[in-house]
Amino acid sequence: MGTLAGPGMGVAWVPFLCALGMAVAFVLYAHATRRGKFAVWEGLLDELELRGDERLLDLGCGRGAVLLAGARRLPEGRAVGVDLWRGVDQSGNAQRGTSRNAEAEGVHDRVELHTGDLRDLPFGDGEFDVVLSSLAIHNIKDVEGRRRAVAEAVRVLSPGGRLVIVDIGRSVALYRDVLGELPVSELGVRSLGWRMWWGFPWMRSQVVTASGAVG
């Protein structure tokens, strides 16, 4: 005669399933941090089909992962990074560290670093062929500030230039709505897949792309 599981057996599975879920979340987060985000950005940069002589701007460049990946593709161009260099946004975030990383990558001669607020960029209108941002604009706490940052990104983008913003959460919908009110074309939003899940599917990264309006 079989033995029926008691009412406590189902409850006993709960801690195990919680622990398993946390372990999977940790693995996904670690992968996104150490490998996933780099692979995703290489793909995004491939899609831009850069000639190699563009001026590229990375908003909130931090230690330079995206900035330097862009610089490697610009043997005759310029990769410019701007940041407030706050450790609260990214550990080890300091301009001297990013400069050292550029030297180690052999692209220091084509990289410029600036201290600046994304809401009020220290650059002229239409100065850049490519404007990128990776997980940075959401660090601006107020909605109006994030709106201004997106508007500034469009202001410094040249006609026909390419805008690529990667971020998480509800901020992405805000960027899409703001861009829909600005002079851009080819506006699109898509998920970047499991390689940039920050632990759980609902903490996934998305990319917003657009082109500067011509004429």
N, C-alpha and C. Protein backbone atom coordinates (compact mmCIF):
# COMPACT_ATOMS: atom_id res chain seq x y z
N MET A 1 0.85 -1.19 0.00
CA MET A 1 0.00 0.00 0.00
C MET A 1 0.89 1.24 0.00
N GLY A 2 0.63 2.16 -0.94
CA GLY A 2 1.46 3.35 -1.06
C GLY A 2 1.29 4.28 0.11
N THR A 3 2.27 5.13 0.29
CA THR A 3 2.25 6.12 1.36
C THR A 3 1.93 7.48 0.77
N LEU A 4 0.91 8.10 1.29
CA LEU A 4 0.53 9.42 0.81
C LEU A 4 1.41 10.48 1.45
N ALA A 5 1.76 11.45 0.66
CA ALA A 5 2.56 12.55 1.21
C ALA A 5 1.71 13.38 2.14
N GLY A 6 2.26 13.73 3.26
CA GLY A 6 1.54 14.55 4.22
C GLY A 6 1.46 15.99 3.76
N PRO A 7 0.63 16.80 4.41
CA PRO A 7 0.45 18.20 3.99
C PRO A 7 1.72 19.02 4.12
N GLY A 8 2.65 18.54 4.96
CA GLY A 8 3.87 19.31 5.13
C GLY A 8 4.88 19.11 4.04
N MET A 9 4.69 18.08 3.16
CA MET A 9 5.68 17.79 2.14
C MET A 9 5.78 18.92 1.11
N GLY A 10 4.62 19.48 0.72
CA GLY A 10 4.65 20.58 -0.24
C GLY A 10 5.35 21.79 0.33
N VAL A 11 5.11 22.05 1.59
CA VAL A 11 5.74 23.20 2.25
C VAL A 11 7.25 23.02 2.29
N ALA A 12 7.70 21.78 2.44
CA ALA A 12 9.13 21.52 2.53
C ALA A 12 9.87 21.87 1.25
N TRP A 13 9.16 21.85 0.11
CA TRP A 13 9.80 22.20 -1.16
C TRP A 13 10.02 23.69 -1.30
N VAL A 14 9.31 24.51 -0.57
CA VAL A 14 9.38 25.96 -0.77
C VAL A 14 10.79 26.52 -0.56
N PRO A 15 11.46 26.19 0.56
CA PRO A 15 12.82 26.72 0.73
C PRO A 15 13.77 26.27 -0.38
N PHE A 16 13.62 25.02 -0.81
CA PHE A 16 14.48 24.51 -1.88
C PHE A 16 14.26 25.28 -3.18
N LEU A 17 12.99 25.49 -3.54
CA LEU A 17 12.70 26.21 -4.78
C LEU A 17 13.17 27.66 -4.70
N CYS A 18 13.03 28.27 -3.53
CA CYS A 18 13.51 29.65 -3.35
C CYS A 18 15.02 29.71 -3.52
N ALA A 19 15.71 28.74 -2.91
CA ALA A 19 17.17 28.71 -3.02
C ALA A 19 17.61 28.47 -4.46
N LEU A 20 16.89 27.59 -5.16
CA LEU A 20 17.21 27.31 -6.56
C LEU A 20 17.01 28.56 -7.41
N GLY A 21 15.91 29.25 -7.16
CA GLY A 21 15.63 30.47 -7.92
C GLY A 21 16.70 31.53 -7.69
N MET A 22 17.14 31.68 -6.45
CA MET A 22 18.18 32.65 -6.15
C MET A 22 19.50 32.27 -6.79
N ALA A 23 19.79 30.98 -6.82
CA ALA A 23 21.04 30.52 -7.45
C ALA A 23 21.03 30.80 -8.94
N VAL A 24 19.90 30.53 -9.60
CA VAL A 24 19.79 30.82 -11.03
C VAL A 24 19.92 32.32 -11.28
N ALA A 25 19.28 33.12 -10.44
CA ALA A 25 19.36 34.58 -10.58
C ALA A 25 20.80 35.06 -10.44
N PHE A 26 21.53 34.49 -9.49
CA PHE A 26 22.93 34.87 -9.30
C PHE A 26 23.76 34.53 -10.52
N VAL A 27 23.55 33.34 -11.07
CA VAL A 27 24.31 32.92 -12.25
C VAL A 27 24.02 33.85 -13.44
N LEU A 28 22.75 34.19 -13.65
CA LEU A 28 22.39 35.08 -14.75
C LEU A 28 23.00 36.47 -14.55
N TYR A 29 22.96 36.96 -13.32
CA TYR A 29 23.52 38.28 -13.03
C TYR A 29 25.03 38.27 -13.27
N ALA A 30 25.70 37.25 -12.78
CA ALA A 30 27.15 37.16 -12.95
C ALA A 30 27.52 37.07 -14.43
N HIS A 31 26.74 36.30 -15.19
CA HIS A 31 27.03 36.18 -16.62
C HIS A 31 26.83 37.52 -17.33
N ALA A 32 25.74 38.21 -17.00
CA ALA A 32 25.48 39.51 -17.63
C ALA A 32 26.59 40.50 -17.33
N THR A 33 27.10 40.47 -16.10
CA THR A 33 28.13 41.42 -15.69
C THR A 33 29.47 41.11 -16.33
N ARG A 34 29.83 39.83 -16.39
CA ARG A 34 31.18 39.45 -16.80
C ARG A 34 31.32 39.17 -18.29
N ARG A 35 30.25 38.70 -18.93
CA ARG A 35 30.37 38.33 -20.34
C ARG A 35 29.21 38.84 -21.20
N GLY A 36 28.00 38.70 -20.68
CA GLY A 36 26.83 38.98 -21.51
C GLY A 36 26.78 40.38 -22.07
N LYS A 37 27.02 41.39 -21.23
CA LYS A 37 26.89 42.77 -21.70
C LYS A 37 27.93 43.10 -22.76
N PHE A 38 29.12 42.50 -22.64
CA PHE A 38 30.16 42.76 -23.64
C PHE A 38 29.77 42.15 -24.99
N ALA A 39 29.26 40.92 -24.97
CA ALA A 39 28.85 40.26 -26.21
C ALA A 39 27.69 41.01 -26.86
N VAL A 40 26.74 41.46 -26.06
CA VAL A 40 25.59 42.19 -26.60
C VAL A 40 26.04 43.49 -27.25
N TRP A 41 26.93 44.22 -26.59
CA TRP A 41 27.37 45.48 -27.17
C TRP A 41 28.21 45.29 -28.42
N GLU A 42 28.98 44.22 -28.49
CA GLU A 42 29.71 43.95 -29.73
C GLU A 42 28.72 43.77 -30.88
N GLY A 43 27.61 43.08 -30.61
CA GLY A 43 26.59 42.92 -31.64
C GLY A 43 25.94 44.23 -32.03
N LEU A 44 25.65 45.08 -31.04
CA LEU A 44 25.04 46.38 -31.32
C LEU A 44 25.97 47.26 -32.15
N LEU A 45 27.25 47.23 -31.82
CA LEU A 45 28.22 48.01 -32.58
C LEU A 45 28.38 47.47 -34.00
N ASP A 46 28.32 46.14 -34.15
CA ASP A 46 28.36 45.55 -35.48
C ASP A 46 27.21 46.08 -36.35
N GLU A 47 26.04 46.20 -35.74
CA GLU A 47 24.86 46.66 -36.49
C GLU A 47 25.04 48.07 -37.03
N LEU A 48 25.87 48.89 -36.39
CA LEU A 48 26.07 50.27 -36.83
C LEU A 48 26.89 50.35 -38.12
N GLU A 49 27.66 49.30 -38.41
CA GLU A 49 28.48 49.25 -39.63
C GLU A 49 29.30 50.53 -39.77
N LEU A 50 30.09 50.83 -38.76
CA LEU A 50 30.88 52.05 -38.74
C LEU A 50 31.95 52.04 -39.83
N ARG A 51 32.18 53.22 -40.40
CA ARG A 51 33.23 53.36 -41.42
C ARG A 51 34.62 53.38 -40.77
N GLY A 52 34.69 53.94 -39.56
CA GLY A 52 35.95 54.04 -38.85
C GLY A 52 36.45 55.45 -38.66
N ASP A 53 35.70 56.45 -39.21
CA ASP A 53 36.12 57.85 -39.05
C ASP A 53 35.08 58.69 -38.32
N GLU A 54 34.13 58.05 -37.67
CA GLU A 54 33.05 58.76 -36.99
C GLU A 54 33.51 59.38 -35.67
N ARG A 55 32.71 60.34 -35.21
CA ARG A 55 32.82 60.85 -33.84
C ARG A 55 31.72 60.18 -33.03
N LEU A 56 32.11 59.49 -31.99
CA LEU A 56 31.20 58.68 -31.16
C LEU A 56 31.18 59.23 -29.74
N LEU A 57 30.00 59.31 -29.15
CA LEU A 57 29.85 59.78 -27.78
C LEU A 57 29.20 58.70 -26.94
N ASP A 58 29.80 58.41 -25.78
CA ASP A 58 29.23 57.45 -24.82
C ASP A 58 28.78 58.23 -23.59
N LEU A 59 27.47 58.22 -23.35
CA LEU A 59 26.87 58.95 -22.23
C LEU A 59 26.94 58.11 -20.96
N GLY A 60 27.61 58.61 -19.93
CA GLY A 60 27.78 57.85 -18.71
C GLY A 60 28.74 56.69 -18.95
N CYS A 61 29.92 57.00 -19.46
CA CYS A 61 30.83 55.95 -19.95
C CYS A 61 31.43 55.09 -18.85
N GLY A 62 31.46 55.59 -17.60
CA GLY A 62 32.00 54.78 -16.51
C GLY A 62 33.43 54.33 -16.78
N ARG A 63 33.71 53.07 -16.50
CA ARG A 63 35.08 52.55 -16.66
C ARG A 63 35.45 52.33 -18.13
N GLY A 64 34.48 52.46 -19.05
CA GLY A 64 34.83 52.51 -20.46
C GLY A 64 34.56 51.27 -21.28
N ALA A 65 33.80 50.31 -20.79
CA ALA A 65 33.59 49.07 -21.55
C ALA A 65 33.03 49.34 -22.94
N VAL A 66 31.96 50.13 -23.03
CA VAL A 66 31.35 50.42 -24.33
C VAL A 66 32.17 51.45 -25.09
N LEU A 67 32.66 52.44 -24.40
CA LEU A 67 33.47 53.49 -25.03
C LEU A 67 34.68 52.90 -25.76
N LEU A 68 35.40 52.01 -25.10
CA LEU A 68 36.61 51.45 -25.68
C LEU A 68 36.29 50.45 -26.79
N ALA A 69 35.17 49.73 -26.65
CA ALA A 69 34.74 48.85 -27.74
C ALA A 69 34.45 49.67 -28.99
N GLY A 70 33.85 50.84 -28.80
CA GLY A 70 33.62 51.73 -29.92
C GLY A 70 34.92 52.28 -30.49
N ALA A 71 35.85 52.67 -29.61
CA ALA A 71 37.12 53.25 -30.04
C ALA A 71 37.92 52.28 -30.89
N ARG A 72 37.85 50.99 -30.58
CA ARG A 72 38.59 50.00 -31.35
C ARG A 72 38.13 49.96 -32.81
N ARG A 73 36.92 50.42 -33.05
CA ARG A 73 36.36 50.39 -34.40
C ARG A 73 36.56 51.73 -35.13
N LEU A 74 37.29 52.65 -34.53
CA LEU A 74 37.43 54.00 -35.08
C LEU A 74 38.90 54.37 -35.27
N PRO A 75 39.62 53.68 -36.14
CA PRO A 75 41.04 53.98 -36.32
C PRO A 75 41.30 55.41 -36.79
N GLU A 76 40.33 56.02 -37.45
CA GLU A 76 40.50 57.40 -37.92
C GLU A 76 39.45 58.33 -37.30
N GLY A 77 38.75 57.85 -36.28
CA GLY A 77 37.70 58.64 -35.66
C GLY A 77 38.04 59.04 -34.24
N ARG A 78 37.01 59.34 -33.47
CA ARG A 78 37.18 59.82 -32.10
C ARG A 78 36.07 59.24 -31.24
N ALA A 79 36.43 58.70 -30.07
CA ALA A 79 35.46 58.18 -29.12
C ALA A 79 35.50 59.06 -27.88
N VAL A 80 34.39 59.68 -27.56
CA VAL A 80 34.32 60.64 -26.47
C VAL A 80 33.42 60.08 -25.36
N GLY A 81 33.91 60.10 -24.15
CA GLY A 81 33.12 59.64 -23.00
C GLY A 81 32.84 60.78 -22.04
N VAL A 82 31.63 60.81 -21.52
CA VAL A 82 31.27 61.83 -20.54
C VAL A 82 30.64 61.16 -19.34
N ASP A 83 31.01 61.62 -18.15
CA ASP A 83 30.50 61.02 -16.93
C ASP A 83 30.68 62.01 -15.78
N LEU A 84 29.94 61.80 -14.70
CA LEU A 84 30.16 62.56 -13.47
C LEU A 84 31.14 61.85 -12.55
N TRP A 85 31.52 60.61 -12.93
CA TRP A 85 32.53 59.83 -12.21
C TRP A 85 32.15 59.64 -10.74
N ARG A 86 30.93 59.19 -10.51
CA ARG A 86 30.45 58.95 -9.15
C ARG A 86 30.51 57.46 -8.83
N GLY A 87 31.13 57.13 -7.73
CA GLY A 87 31.22 55.73 -7.32
C GLY A 87 29.89 55.11 -6.98
N VAL A 88 28.89 55.94 -6.64
CA VAL A 88 27.58 55.42 -6.29
C VAL A 88 26.89 54.82 -7.51
N ASP A 89 27.26 55.28 -8.71
CA ASP A 89 26.66 54.75 -9.94
C ASP A 89 27.35 53.48 -10.42
N GLN A 90 28.67 53.38 -10.17
CA GLN A 90 29.45 52.22 -10.60
C GLN A 90 30.70 52.16 -9.74
N SER A 91 30.98 50.98 -9.19
CA SER A 91 32.16 50.85 -8.35
C SER A 91 33.43 51.12 -9.15
N GLY A 92 34.38 51.79 -8.52
CA GLY A 92 35.64 52.10 -9.19
C GLY A 92 35.51 53.10 -10.32
N ASN A 93 34.46 53.91 -10.29
CA ASN A 93 34.19 54.85 -11.37
C ASN A 93 35.03 56.11 -11.18
N ALA A 94 36.10 56.23 -11.95
CA ALA A 94 36.99 57.38 -11.85
C ALA A 94 37.63 57.63 -13.21
N GLN A 95 37.80 58.89 -13.57
CA GLN A 95 38.32 59.22 -14.89
C GLN A 95 39.72 58.64 -15.11
N ARG A 96 40.56 58.68 -14.10
CA ARG A 96 41.91 58.15 -14.26
C ARG A 96 41.90 56.65 -14.54
N GLY A 97 40.93 55.93 -13.96
CA GLY A 97 40.83 54.50 -14.22
C GLY A 97 40.43 54.22 -15.66
N THR A 98 39.49 55.02 -16.18
CA THR A 98 39.07 54.85 -17.57
C THR A 98 40.21 55.19 -18.51
N SER A 99 40.97 56.22 -18.17
CA SER A 99 42.12 56.58 -18.99
C SER A 99 43.15 55.45 -19.03
N ARG A 100 43.38 54.83 -17.89
CA ARG A 100 44.30 53.69 -17.85
C ARG A 100 43.79 52.53 -18.69
N ASN A 101 42.47 52.29 -18.64
CA ASN A 101 41.89 51.22 -19.46
C ASN A 101 42.09 51.50 -20.94
N ALA A 102 41.94 52.77 -21.34
CA ALA A 102 42.15 53.13 -22.74
C ALA A 102 43.60 52.89 -23.16
N GLU A 103 44.53 53.19 -22.28
CA GLU A 103 45.94 52.92 -22.56
C GLU A 103 46.20 51.42 -22.70
N ALA A 104 45.60 50.65 -21.80
CA ALA A 104 45.80 49.19 -21.84
C ALA A 104 45.23 48.59 -23.12
N GLU A 105 44.14 49.18 -23.64
CA GLU A 105 43.51 48.68 -24.87
C GLU A 105 44.20 49.21 -26.13
N GLY A 106 45.14 50.13 -25.96
CA GLY A 106 45.84 50.68 -27.12
C GLY A 106 45.04 51.66 -27.92
N VAL A 107 44.03 52.32 -27.30
CA VAL A 107 43.19 53.27 -28.04
C VAL A 107 43.22 54.66 -27.40
N HIS A 108 44.18 54.90 -26.52
CA HIS A 108 44.22 56.16 -25.77
C HIS A 108 44.31 57.36 -26.70
N ASP A 109 44.95 57.20 -27.86
CA ASP A 109 45.14 58.32 -28.79
C ASP A 109 43.86 58.77 -29.46
N ARG A 110 42.81 57.95 -29.40
CA ARG A 110 41.55 58.32 -30.06
C ARG A 110 40.39 58.46 -29.07
N VAL A 111 40.71 58.55 -27.78
CA VAL A 111 39.69 58.65 -26.73
C VAL A 111 39.80 59.98 -26.01
N GLU A 112 38.66 60.63 -25.79
CA GLU A 112 38.57 61.84 -24.98
C GLU A 112 37.63 61.57 -23.81
N LEU A 113 37.98 62.07 -22.64
CA LEU A 113 37.12 61.93 -21.47
C LEU A 113 36.76 63.30 -20.93
N HIS A 114 35.48 63.47 -20.62
CA HIS A 114 34.99 64.75 -20.11
C HIS A 114 34.16 64.52 -18.85
N THR A 115 34.18 65.48 -17.98
CA THR A 115 33.27 65.49 -16.83
C THR A 115 32.06 66.34 -17.20
N GLY A 116 30.89 65.75 -17.10
CA GLY A 116 29.70 66.49 -17.51
C GLY A 116 28.42 65.81 -17.09
N ASP A 117 27.36 66.61 -17.01
CA ASP A 117 26.03 66.16 -16.64
C ASP A 117 25.27 65.78 -17.91
N LEU A 118 24.67 64.59 -17.94
CA LEU A 118 23.94 64.15 -19.12
C LEU A 118 22.76 65.06 -19.44
N ARG A 119 22.30 65.80 -18.46
CA ARG A 119 21.17 66.70 -18.67
C ARG A 119 21.59 68.03 -19.30
N ASP A 120 22.88 68.27 -19.38
CA ASP A 120 23.40 69.53 -19.93
C ASP A 120 24.78 69.26 -20.51
N LEU A 121 24.83 68.60 -21.66
CA LEU A 121 26.08 68.12 -22.22
C LEU A 121 26.96 69.28 -22.70
N PRO A 122 28.26 69.17 -22.46
CA PRO A 122 29.20 70.23 -22.85
C PRO A 122 29.66 70.13 -24.30
N PHE A 123 28.71 69.90 -25.22
CA PHE A 123 29.04 69.71 -26.63
C PHE A 123 28.06 70.50 -27.49
N GLY A 124 28.48 70.76 -28.73
CA GLY A 124 27.66 71.52 -29.64
C GLY A 124 26.58 70.69 -30.32
N ASP A 125 25.63 71.37 -30.95
CA ASP A 125 24.55 70.70 -31.67
C ASP A 125 25.13 69.88 -32.82
N GLY A 126 24.62 68.65 -33.00
CA GLY A 126 24.98 67.82 -34.13
C GLY A 126 26.45 67.45 -34.20
N GLU A 127 27.12 67.37 -33.07
CA GLU A 127 28.57 67.17 -33.04
C GLU A 127 28.98 65.70 -33.25
N PHE A 128 28.05 64.75 -33.03
CA PHE A 128 28.43 63.33 -33.04
C PHE A 128 27.64 62.51 -34.05
N ASP A 129 28.36 61.61 -34.71
CA ASP A 129 27.72 60.69 -35.66
C ASP A 129 27.02 59.54 -34.96
N VAL A 130 27.51 59.18 -33.78
CA VAL A 130 26.94 58.07 -33.00
C VAL A 130 26.87 58.50 -31.54
N VAL A 131 25.73 58.28 -30.91
CA VAL A 131 25.58 58.54 -29.47
C VAL A 131 25.09 57.25 -28.83
N LEU A 132 25.83 56.79 -27.83
CA LEU A 132 25.52 55.54 -27.13
C LEU A 132 25.31 55.81 -25.65
N SER A 133 24.58 54.93 -24.99
CA SER A 133 24.48 54.96 -23.53
C SER A 133 24.13 53.57 -23.04
N SER A 134 24.85 53.11 -22.02
CA SER A 134 24.63 51.77 -21.48
C SER A 134 24.34 51.84 -19.98
N LEU A 135 23.09 51.59 -19.63
CA LEU A 135 22.69 51.47 -18.22
C LEU A 135 23.12 52.68 -17.40
N ALA A 136 22.94 53.87 -17.96
CA ALA A 136 23.40 55.08 -17.29
C ALA A 136 22.28 56.08 -17.01
N ILE A 137 21.40 56.30 -17.97
CA ILE A 137 20.42 57.37 -17.81
C ILE A 137 19.47 57.10 -16.65
N HIS A 138 19.20 55.82 -16.35
CA HIS A 138 18.29 55.53 -15.23
C HIS A 138 18.86 55.98 -13.89
N ASN A 139 20.17 56.26 -13.83
CA ASN A 139 20.77 56.75 -12.58
C ASN A 139 20.32 58.17 -12.24
N ILE A 140 19.76 58.87 -13.22
CA ILE A 140 19.16 60.18 -12.94
C ILE A 140 17.82 59.91 -12.28
N LYS A 141 17.66 60.38 -11.06
CA LYS A 141 16.53 59.93 -10.24
C LYS A 141 15.17 60.47 -10.69
N ASP A 142 15.11 61.71 -11.19
CA ASP A 142 13.80 62.28 -11.50
C ASP A 142 13.48 62.12 -12.98
N VAL A 143 12.20 61.98 -13.26
CA VAL A 143 11.73 61.74 -14.63
C VAL A 143 12.10 62.90 -15.53
N GLU A 144 11.94 64.11 -15.07
CA GLU A 144 12.26 65.27 -15.90
C GLU A 144 13.74 65.29 -16.26
N GLY A 145 14.59 64.87 -15.33
CA GLY A 145 16.02 64.80 -15.62
C GLY A 145 16.33 63.78 -16.69
N ARG A 146 15.65 62.62 -16.65
CA ARG A 146 15.86 61.61 -17.68
C ARG A 146 15.36 62.10 -19.03
N ARG A 147 14.25 62.83 -19.03
CA ARG A 147 13.75 63.42 -20.28
C ARG A 147 14.79 64.37 -20.88
N ARG A 148 15.36 65.20 -20.04
CA ARG A 148 16.35 66.17 -20.52
C ARG A 148 17.58 65.45 -21.07
N ALA A 149 17.99 64.36 -20.43
CA ALA A 149 19.16 63.61 -20.90
C ALA A 149 18.92 63.05 -22.30
N VAL A 150 17.73 62.50 -22.54
CA VAL A 150 17.42 61.96 -23.86
C VAL A 150 17.37 63.09 -24.90
N ALA A 151 16.78 64.22 -24.52
CA ALA A 151 16.72 65.36 -25.43
C ALA A 151 18.12 65.87 -25.76
N GLU A 152 19.01 65.87 -24.78
CA GLU A 152 20.39 66.29 -25.02
C GLU A 152 21.10 65.32 -25.96
N ALA A 153 20.84 64.03 -25.80
CA ALA A 153 21.44 63.04 -26.70
C ALA A 153 21.05 63.32 -28.14
N VAL A 154 19.79 63.68 -28.37
CA VAL A 154 19.32 63.99 -29.72
C VAL A 154 19.92 65.31 -30.21
N ARG A 155 20.05 66.27 -29.31
CA ARG A 155 20.61 67.58 -29.71
C ARG A 155 22.02 67.45 -30.28
N VAL A 156 22.85 66.63 -29.66
CA VAL A 156 24.25 66.52 -30.10
C VAL A 156 24.43 65.51 -31.23
N LEU A 157 23.35 64.84 -31.64
CA LEU A 157 23.41 63.84 -32.71
C LEU A 157 23.30 64.52 -34.07
N SER A 158 24.17 64.14 -34.98
CA SER A 158 24.16 64.74 -36.31
C SER A 158 22.97 64.23 -37.13
N PRO A 159 22.54 64.97 -38.15
CA PRO A 159 21.48 64.47 -39.04
C PRO A 159 21.91 63.14 -39.66
N GLY A 160 21.06 62.14 -39.53
CA GLY A 160 21.39 60.81 -40.02
C GLY A 160 22.26 60.01 -39.08
N GLY A 161 22.68 60.61 -37.95
CA GLY A 161 23.48 59.89 -36.96
C GLY A 161 22.66 58.83 -36.25
N ARG A 162 23.34 57.95 -35.51
CA ARG A 162 22.67 56.81 -34.87
C ARG A 162 22.70 56.94 -33.36
N LEU A 163 21.56 56.71 -32.73
CA LEU A 163 21.41 56.75 -31.28
C LEU A 163 21.08 55.34 -30.78
N VAL A 164 21.82 54.87 -29.76
CA VAL A 164 21.60 53.55 -29.18
C VAL A 164 21.64 53.68 -27.67
N ILE A 165 20.50 53.44 -27.02
CA ILE A 165 20.40 53.53 -25.56
C ILE A 165 19.98 52.17 -25.01
N VAL A 166 20.81 51.60 -24.15
CA VAL A 166 20.48 50.34 -23.47
C VAL A 166 20.18 50.66 -22.01
N ASP A 167 19.05 50.14 -21.52
CA ASP A 167 18.71 50.38 -20.11
C ASP A 167 17.70 49.33 -19.66
N ILE A 168 17.27 49.45 -18.41
CA ILE A 168 16.36 48.48 -17.82
C ILE A 168 15.13 49.18 -17.26
N GLY A 169 14.11 48.38 -16.98
CA GLY A 169 12.93 48.86 -16.28
C GLY A 169 12.05 49.78 -17.10
N ARG A 170 11.23 50.54 -16.38
CA ARG A 170 10.25 51.41 -17.01
C ARG A 170 10.90 52.61 -17.70
N SER A 171 12.17 52.86 -17.42
CA SER A 171 12.85 53.98 -18.07
C SER A 171 12.82 53.85 -19.58
N VAL A 172 12.88 52.61 -20.08
CA VAL A 172 12.94 52.40 -21.53
C VAL A 172 11.67 52.94 -22.21
N ALA A 173 10.53 52.71 -21.61
CA ALA A 173 9.28 53.23 -22.17
C ALA A 173 9.29 54.76 -22.17
N LEU A 174 9.89 55.35 -21.15
CA LEU A 174 10.00 56.81 -21.10
C LEU A 174 10.87 57.32 -22.24
N TYR A 175 12.01 56.67 -22.48
CA TYR A 175 12.89 57.10 -23.57
C TYR A 175 12.16 57.03 -24.91
N ARG A 176 11.42 55.94 -25.11
CA ARG A 176 10.68 55.78 -26.37
C ARG A 176 9.68 56.92 -26.54
N ASP A 177 8.96 57.24 -25.47
CA ASP A 177 7.95 58.29 -25.56
C ASP A 177 8.59 59.65 -25.81
N VAL A 178 9.71 59.92 -25.14
CA VAL A 178 10.39 61.21 -25.34
C VAL A 178 10.91 61.31 -26.77
N LEU A 179 11.52 60.24 -27.26
CA LEU A 179 12.05 60.26 -28.62
C LEU A 179 10.95 60.42 -29.65
N GLY A 180 9.77 59.90 -29.33
CA GLY A 180 8.64 60.05 -30.24
C GLY A 180 8.22 61.49 -30.43
N GLU A 181 8.63 62.37 -29.51
CA GLU A 181 8.30 63.80 -29.59
C GLU A 181 9.45 64.63 -30.15
N LEU A 182 10.57 63.99 -30.47
CA LEU A 182 11.77 64.70 -30.92
C LEU A 182 12.03 64.41 -32.39
N PRO A 183 12.89 65.24 -33.03
CA PRO A 183 13.16 65.07 -34.47
C PRO A 183 14.10 63.90 -34.75
N VAL A 184 13.56 62.69 -34.67
CA VAL A 184 14.32 61.47 -34.99
C VAL A 184 13.48 60.62 -35.94
N SER A 185 14.13 59.63 -36.53
CA SER A 185 13.44 58.67 -37.39
C SER A 185 13.89 57.27 -37.02
N GLU A 186 13.24 56.28 -37.60
CA GLU A 186 13.60 54.87 -37.41
C GLU A 186 13.65 54.49 -35.92
N LEU A 187 12.70 54.97 -35.16
CA LEU A 187 12.64 54.69 -33.73
C LEU A 187 12.23 53.24 -33.50
N GLY A 188 12.99 52.54 -32.66
CA GLY A 188 12.67 51.15 -32.35
C GLY A 188 13.07 50.75 -30.95
N VAL A 189 12.38 49.76 -30.39
CA VAL A 189 12.69 49.23 -29.06
C VAL A 189 12.64 47.72 -29.14
N ARG A 190 13.63 47.05 -28.54
CA ARG A 190 13.59 45.59 -28.51
C ARG A 190 14.35 45.07 -27.29
N SER A 191 14.02 43.84 -26.90
CA SER A 191 14.72 43.18 -25.80
C SER A 191 16.08 42.69 -26.29
N LEU A 192 17.04 42.59 -25.36
CA LEU A 192 18.37 42.12 -25.71
C LEU A 192 18.61 40.67 -25.29
N GLY A 193 17.58 39.99 -24.82
CA GLY A 193 17.70 38.57 -24.53
C GLY A 193 18.33 38.26 -23.17
N TRP A 194 18.45 36.97 -22.90
CA TRP A 194 18.84 36.50 -21.57
C TRP A 194 20.27 36.90 -21.19
N ARG A 195 21.11 37.22 -22.16
CA ARG A 195 22.49 37.57 -21.83
C ARG A 195 22.59 38.86 -21.03
N MET A 196 21.52 39.66 -21.05
CA MET A 196 21.50 40.88 -20.24
C MET A 196 20.30 40.89 -19.31
N TRP A 197 19.97 39.72 -18.76
CA TRP A 197 19.03 39.64 -17.65
C TRP A 197 19.82 39.86 -16.37
N TRP A 198 19.40 40.81 -15.57
CA TRP A 198 20.11 41.13 -14.33
C TRP A 198 19.49 40.35 -13.17
N GLY A 199 19.52 39.04 -13.33
CA GLY A 199 19.03 38.14 -12.29
C GLY A 199 17.71 37.49 -12.61
N PHE A 200 16.73 38.27 -13.04
CA PHE A 200 15.39 37.76 -13.31
C PHE A 200 14.89 38.32 -14.64
N PRO A 201 13.94 37.63 -15.31
CA PRO A 201 13.45 38.10 -16.60
C PRO A 201 12.89 39.52 -16.56
N TRP A 202 12.26 39.90 -15.44
CA TRP A 202 11.69 41.24 -15.36
C TRP A 202 12.77 42.31 -15.14
N MET A 203 14.02 41.89 -14.93
CA MET A 203 15.14 42.82 -14.85
C MET A 203 15.98 42.72 -16.12
N ARG A 204 15.32 42.66 -17.24
CA ARG A 204 16.01 42.50 -18.51
C ARG A 204 16.37 43.86 -19.10
N SER A 205 17.39 43.85 -19.92
CA SER A 205 17.79 45.06 -20.63
C SER A 205 17.07 45.14 -21.97
N GLN A 206 16.78 46.36 -22.37
CA GLN A 206 16.21 46.62 -23.69
C GLN A 206 17.04 47.71 -24.36
N VAL A 207 16.93 47.77 -25.68
CA VAL A 207 17.65 48.80 -26.42
C VAL A 207 16.65 49.66 -27.19
N VAL A 208 16.89 50.96 -27.12
CA VAL A 208 16.13 51.94 -27.88
C VAL A 208 17.06 52.50 -28.95
N THR A 209 16.63 52.46 -30.20
CA THR A 209 17.46 52.96 -31.29
C THR A 209 16.69 54.01 -32.09
N ALA A 210 17.43 54.93 -32.67
CA ALA A 210 16.83 55.98 -33.51
C ALA A 210 17.92 56.59 -34.37
N SER A 211 17.50 57.33 -35.37
CA SER A 211 18.43 58.07 -36.23
C SER A 211 18.07 59.55 -36.18
N GLY A 212 19.10 60.38 -36.28
CA GLY A 212 18.86 61.80 -36.31
C GLY A 212 18.13 62.21 -37.58
N ALA A 213 17.15 63.08 -37.42
CA ALA A 213 16.34 63.51 -38.57
C ALA A 213 17.20 64.27 -39.57
N VAL A 214 16.94 64.03 -40.85
CA VAL A 214 17.65 64.70 -41.93
C VAL A 214 16.73 65.73 -42.57
N GLY A 215 17.22 66.96 -42.69
CA GLY A 215 16.43 68.01 -43.33
C GLY A 215 15.37 68.61 -42.44
